[in-house]
Every structure is written in C-alpha cells, then in structure tokens.
C-alpha cells in the first residue's frame, strides 16, 4: 500500500508541476504579470484591482480567487487542458478598458 500511495503522490506532483510549467510559460509569452511561482497548488496573477478583475473574469466564466494584491489560480482545481490558453484569456479580460 505504501508503494502505491507514493506512486500516486508522485503522479499528482508531476501533474501539478506540468500545469504550473504550462501557465508560467504562457504567462511569459502573453506578458501577464505574475508573482514568482516555485511549485504548489496555486499561482498568483498581479493586478492593481483584484475585485474589478475578478468580476470581469467571472463574466467570462473564468473563476479565480481575488486576494489583496492579485488573483489566485488553483492549479489543483482545474485540468491540464484548462490551463492551456488560460494566461492569454486572463490577460485579454483584465486589460479591457
């Protein structure tokens, strides 16, 4: 049982790393400002007005968590396919005038 648990844990860790790598790469490609990400369940987009940007994103069916200095993305709560293209969508929505 311990071996199968460790194997499962490694799979989850690899999946999160993959999602983080995709988001970071696409954030850079789209000039989306983010806080440093070193792994884990969440990453953060920098924004001057998290509440306003949260509302704009919700209107586009993109659900992030507004925080004091940005928007938190739960990489653990979305699929790898949902991460693909997310940075570009976020950038487009929060930069609308």
N, C-alpha and C. Protein backbone atom coordinates (compact mmCIF):
# COMPACT_ATOMS: atom_id res chain seq x y z
N UNK A 1 0.81 -1.20 0.00
CA UNK A 1 0.00 0.00 0.00
C UNK A 1 0.85 1.26 0.00
N UNK A 2 1.92 1.26 0.75
CA UNK A 2 2.76 2.44 0.81
C UNK A 2 3.35 2.74 -0.56
N UNK A 3 3.78 1.70 -1.28
CA UNK A 3 4.36 1.91 -2.60
C UNK A 3 3.33 2.50 -3.57
N UNK A 4 2.10 2.01 -3.52
CA UNK A 4 1.08 2.54 -4.43
C UNK A 4 0.72 3.97 -4.05
N UNK A 5 0.74 4.30 -2.76
CA UNK A 5 0.48 5.68 -2.32
C UNK A 5 1.58 6.61 -2.83
N UNK A 6 2.82 6.19 -2.69
CA UNK A 6 3.95 7.02 -3.14
C UNK A 6 3.88 7.21 -4.66
N UNK A 7 3.52 6.17 -5.38
CA UNK A 7 3.38 6.28 -6.83
C UNK A 7 2.27 7.28 -7.19
N UNK A 8 1.14 7.19 -6.48
CA UNK A 8 0.03 8.11 -6.70
C UNK A 8 0.44 9.54 -6.36
N UNK A 9 1.13 9.73 -5.26
CA UNK A 9 1.60 11.05 -4.85
C UNK A 9 2.55 11.64 -5.89
N UNK A 10 3.43 10.82 -6.43
CA UNK A 10 4.35 11.27 -7.48
C UNK A 10 3.59 11.70 -8.74
N UNK A 11 2.54 10.96 -9.06
CA UNK A 11 1.71 11.32 -10.21
C UNK A 11 1.06 12.68 -10.01
N UNK A 12 0.51 12.90 -8.82
CA UNK A 12 -0.12 14.19 -8.52
C UNK A 12 0.89 15.33 -8.56
N UNK A 13 2.07 15.09 -8.01
CA UNK A 13 3.12 16.11 -8.00
C UNK A 13 3.54 16.46 -9.43
N UNK A 14 3.69 15.45 -10.26
CA UNK A 14 4.07 15.66 -11.66
C UNK A 14 2.99 16.43 -12.40
N UNK A 15 1.74 16.10 -12.13
CA UNK A 15 0.62 16.79 -12.78
C UNK A 15 0.62 18.27 -12.42
N UNK A 16 0.78 18.59 -11.14
CA UNK A 16 0.82 19.99 -10.71
C UNK A 16 1.99 20.73 -11.33
N UNK A 17 3.14 20.08 -11.39
CA UNK A 17 4.32 20.70 -12.00
C UNK A 17 4.06 21.00 -13.46
N UNK A 18 3.45 20.06 -14.16
CA UNK A 18 3.13 20.25 -15.57
C UNK A 18 2.21 21.45 -15.75
N UNK A 19 1.16 21.52 -14.93
CA UNK A 19 0.22 22.64 -15.02
C UNK A 19 0.92 23.96 -14.74
N UNK A 20 1.75 23.99 -13.70
CA UNK A 20 2.49 25.21 -13.37
C UNK A 20 3.42 25.62 -14.49
N UNK A 21 4.13 24.66 -15.06
CA UNK A 21 5.05 24.96 -16.16
C UNK A 21 4.31 25.56 -17.36
N UNK A 22 3.16 24.98 -17.68
CA UNK A 22 2.37 25.50 -18.80
C UNK A 22 1.93 26.93 -18.52
N UNK A 23 1.39 27.17 -17.33
CA UNK A 23 0.88 28.51 -17.02
C UNK A 23 2.01 29.54 -17.01
N UNK A 24 3.13 29.21 -16.40
CA UNK A 24 4.26 30.15 -16.34
C UNK A 24 4.77 30.48 -17.74
N UNK A 25 4.93 29.47 -18.56
CA UNK A 25 5.40 29.66 -19.94
C UNK A 25 4.43 30.57 -20.70
N UNK A 26 3.14 30.28 -20.60
CA UNK A 26 2.15 31.07 -21.33
C UNK A 26 2.00 32.48 -20.75
N UNK A 27 2.18 32.63 -19.44
CA UNK A 27 2.14 33.97 -18.84
C UNK A 27 3.27 34.82 -19.40
N UNK A 28 4.46 34.24 -19.52
CA UNK A 28 5.59 34.98 -20.10
C UNK A 28 5.32 35.33 -21.55
N UNK A 29 4.79 34.37 -22.31
CA UNK A 29 4.51 34.61 -23.73
C UNK A 29 3.47 35.70 -23.94
N UNK A 30 2.57 35.86 -22.99
CA UNK A 30 1.49 36.84 -23.10
C UNK A 30 1.72 38.09 -22.26
N UNK A 31 2.92 38.20 -21.70
CA UNK A 31 3.28 39.36 -20.87
C UNK A 31 2.27 39.58 -19.74
N UNK A 32 1.84 38.47 -19.13
CA UNK A 32 0.94 38.53 -17.99
C UNK A 32 1.79 38.57 -16.73
N UNK A 33 1.60 39.58 -15.93
CA UNK A 33 2.40 39.76 -14.72
C UNK A 33 1.95 38.79 -13.64
N UNK A 34 2.89 37.98 -13.14
CA UNK A 34 2.57 37.01 -12.10
C UNK A 34 3.61 37.10 -10.98
N UNK A 35 3.21 36.62 -9.82
CA UNK A 35 4.15 36.52 -8.71
C UNK A 35 5.04 35.30 -8.94
N UNK A 36 6.23 35.28 -8.35
CA UNK A 36 7.10 34.12 -8.52
C UNK A 36 6.38 32.82 -8.12
N UNK A 37 6.56 31.81 -8.93
CA UNK A 37 5.93 30.51 -8.68
C UNK A 37 7.04 29.46 -8.61
N UNK A 38 7.06 28.75 -7.51
CA UNK A 38 8.08 27.73 -7.32
C UNK A 38 7.47 26.35 -7.12
N UNK A 39 6.22 26.23 -7.52
CA UNK A 39 5.51 24.96 -7.39
C UNK A 39 4.38 25.08 -6.39
N UNK A 40 3.54 24.09 -6.37
CA UNK A 40 2.45 24.08 -5.42
C UNK A 40 1.08 24.10 -6.07
N UNK A 41 0.08 24.27 -5.24
CA UNK A 41 -1.31 24.18 -5.67
C UNK A 41 -1.81 25.44 -6.36
N UNK A 42 -1.20 26.59 -6.05
CA UNK A 42 -1.71 27.88 -6.52
C UNK A 42 -0.61 28.72 -7.16
N UNK A 43 -1.02 29.61 -8.05
CA UNK A 43 -0.13 30.67 -8.52
C UNK A 43 -0.95 31.95 -8.52
N UNK A 44 -0.27 33.09 -8.63
CA UNK A 44 -0.93 34.39 -8.49
C UNK A 44 -0.63 35.30 -9.67
N UNK A 45 -1.68 35.96 -10.15
CA UNK A 45 -1.56 36.98 -11.18
C UNK A 45 -1.56 38.33 -10.46
N UNK A 46 -0.61 39.20 -10.82
CA UNK A 46 -0.57 40.54 -10.24
C UNK A 46 -1.62 41.41 -10.92
N UNK A 47 -2.34 42.17 -10.12
CA UNK A 47 -3.31 43.13 -10.65
C UNK A 47 -3.51 44.24 -9.63
N UNK A 48 -3.75 45.44 -10.15
CA UNK A 48 -3.96 46.59 -9.27
C UNK A 48 -5.36 46.60 -8.67
N UNK A 49 -6.29 45.92 -9.31
CA UNK A 49 -7.67 45.94 -8.84
C UNK A 49 -8.26 44.52 -8.90
N UNK A 50 -7.91 43.67 -7.94
CA UNK A 50 -8.34 42.28 -7.97
C UNK A 50 -9.86 42.10 -8.01
N UNK A 51 -10.60 42.91 -7.27
CA UNK A 51 -12.06 42.76 -7.24
C UNK A 51 -12.68 43.05 -8.61
N UNK A 52 -12.25 44.14 -9.23
CA UNK A 52 -12.76 44.50 -10.56
C UNK A 52 -12.42 43.41 -11.57
N UNK A 53 -11.15 42.96 -11.54
CA UNK A 53 -10.72 41.95 -12.49
C UNK A 53 -11.39 40.60 -12.24
N UNK A 54 -11.66 40.30 -10.98
CA UNK A 54 -12.40 39.09 -10.64
C UNK A 54 -13.79 39.14 -11.29
N UNK A 55 -14.47 40.27 -11.16
CA UNK A 55 -15.81 40.41 -11.74
C UNK A 55 -15.77 40.28 -13.26
N UNK A 56 -14.77 40.88 -13.88
CA UNK A 56 -14.62 40.79 -15.34
C UNK A 56 -14.40 39.34 -15.77
N UNK A 57 -13.57 38.63 -15.02
CA UNK A 57 -13.28 37.24 -15.36
C UNK A 57 -14.49 36.34 -15.14
N UNK A 58 -15.22 36.57 -14.07
CA UNK A 58 -16.43 35.77 -13.81
C UNK A 58 -17.43 35.93 -14.96
N UNK A 59 -17.54 37.15 -15.49
CA UNK A 59 -18.44 37.39 -16.61
C UNK A 59 -18.05 36.57 -17.83
N UNK A 60 -16.78 36.14 -17.88
CA UNK A 60 -16.28 35.30 -18.98
C UNK A 60 -16.15 33.83 -18.55
N UNK A 61 -16.77 33.50 -17.43
CA UNK A 61 -16.73 32.13 -16.88
C UNK A 61 -15.31 31.66 -16.54
N UNK A 62 -14.49 32.59 -16.07
CA UNK A 62 -13.16 32.28 -15.58
C UNK A 62 -13.17 32.60 -14.09
N UNK A 63 -12.95 31.60 -13.27
CA UNK A 63 -13.11 31.76 -11.82
C UNK A 63 -11.77 31.67 -11.11
N UNK A 64 -11.27 32.83 -10.70
CA UNK A 64 -10.06 32.93 -9.90
C UNK A 64 -10.46 33.48 -8.54
N UNK A 65 -9.52 33.51 -7.61
CA UNK A 65 -9.83 33.96 -6.26
C UNK A 65 -9.18 35.32 -6.03
N UNK A 66 -9.98 36.38 -5.77
CA UNK A 66 -9.38 37.68 -5.53
C UNK A 66 -8.66 37.70 -4.18
N UNK A 67 -7.45 38.21 -4.19
CA UNK A 67 -6.63 38.36 -2.99
C UNK A 67 -6.25 39.84 -2.88
N UNK A 68 -5.47 40.19 -1.89
CA UNK A 68 -5.11 41.59 -1.67
C UNK A 68 -4.38 42.21 -2.86
N UNK A 69 -3.42 41.49 -3.43
CA UNK A 69 -2.57 42.05 -4.48
C UNK A 69 -2.70 41.36 -5.83
N UNK A 70 -3.70 40.51 -5.96
CA UNK A 70 -3.82 39.81 -7.23
C UNK A 70 -4.93 38.78 -7.22
N UNK A 71 -4.84 37.89 -8.18
CA UNK A 71 -5.83 36.84 -8.35
C UNK A 71 -5.14 35.48 -8.24
N UNK A 72 -5.68 34.63 -7.40
CA UNK A 72 -5.09 33.30 -7.18
C UNK A 72 -5.73 32.30 -8.12
N UNK A 73 -4.88 31.51 -8.75
CA UNK A 73 -5.33 30.45 -9.64
C UNK A 73 -5.08 29.13 -8.95
N UNK A 74 -6.11 28.31 -8.85
CA UNK A 74 -5.98 27.00 -8.22
C UNK A 74 -5.62 25.97 -9.28
N UNK A 75 -4.32 25.78 -9.48
CA UNK A 75 -3.87 24.80 -10.46
C UNK A 75 -4.32 23.39 -10.08
N UNK A 76 -4.56 23.19 -8.80
CA UNK A 76 -5.00 21.89 -8.31
C UNK A 76 -6.46 21.63 -8.63
N UNK A 77 -7.21 22.66 -9.00
CA UNK A 77 -8.65 22.52 -9.18
C UNK A 77 -9.11 22.57 -10.62
N UNK A 78 -8.17 22.63 -11.56
CA UNK A 78 -8.52 22.63 -12.98
C UNK A 78 -7.69 21.58 -13.69
N UNK A 79 -8.14 21.18 -14.85
CA UNK A 79 -7.41 20.17 -15.60
C UNK A 79 -6.23 20.80 -16.34
N UNK A 80 -5.33 19.97 -16.77
CA UNK A 80 -4.19 20.44 -17.54
C UNK A 80 -4.67 21.12 -18.82
N UNK A 81 -5.69 20.56 -19.46
CA UNK A 81 -6.22 21.19 -20.68
C UNK A 81 -6.83 22.56 -20.40
N UNK A 82 -7.42 22.74 -19.22
CA UNK A 82 -7.98 24.05 -18.86
C UNK A 82 -6.89 25.08 -18.61
N UNK A 83 -5.71 24.66 -18.23
CA UNK A 83 -4.59 25.58 -18.01
C UNK A 83 -4.11 26.14 -19.34
N UNK A 84 -4.16 25.30 -20.38
CA UNK A 84 -3.67 25.72 -21.70
C UNK A 84 -4.53 26.87 -22.23
N UNK A 85 -3.89 27.99 -22.49
CA UNK A 85 -4.58 29.16 -23.01
C UNK A 85 -5.16 30.09 -21.94
N UNK A 86 -5.10 29.66 -20.67
CA UNK A 86 -5.69 30.45 -19.60
C UNK A 86 -4.99 31.80 -19.42
N UNK A 87 -3.68 31.82 -19.48
CA UNK A 87 -2.94 33.08 -19.29
C UNK A 87 -3.36 34.12 -20.33
N UNK A 88 -3.50 33.70 -21.57
CA UNK A 88 -3.90 34.63 -22.63
C UNK A 88 -5.31 35.14 -22.38
N UNK A 89 -6.21 34.28 -21.95
CA UNK A 89 -7.58 34.70 -21.67
C UNK A 89 -7.62 35.70 -20.53
N UNK A 90 -6.87 35.42 -19.47
CA UNK A 90 -6.82 36.32 -18.33
C UNK A 90 -6.29 37.68 -18.75
N UNK A 91 -5.19 37.68 -19.48
CA UNK A 91 -4.58 38.93 -19.94
C UNK A 91 -5.59 39.74 -20.77
N UNK A 92 -6.28 39.10 -21.68
CA UNK A 92 -7.24 39.77 -22.54
C UNK A 92 -8.36 40.40 -21.72
N UNK A 93 -8.89 39.66 -20.76
CA UNK A 93 -10.02 40.15 -19.98
C UNK A 93 -9.63 41.29 -19.04
N UNK A 94 -8.51 41.15 -18.32
CA UNK A 94 -8.18 42.19 -17.34
C UNK A 94 -7.64 43.46 -17.97
N UNK A 95 -7.25 43.41 -19.24
CA UNK A 95 -6.75 44.62 -19.89
C UNK A 95 -7.82 45.37 -20.66
N UNK A 96 -9.03 44.86 -20.66
CA UNK A 96 -10.12 45.60 -21.32
C UNK A 96 -10.37 46.92 -20.60
N UNK A 97 -10.62 47.94 -21.37
CA UNK A 97 -10.89 49.26 -20.78
C UNK A 97 -12.32 49.38 -20.31
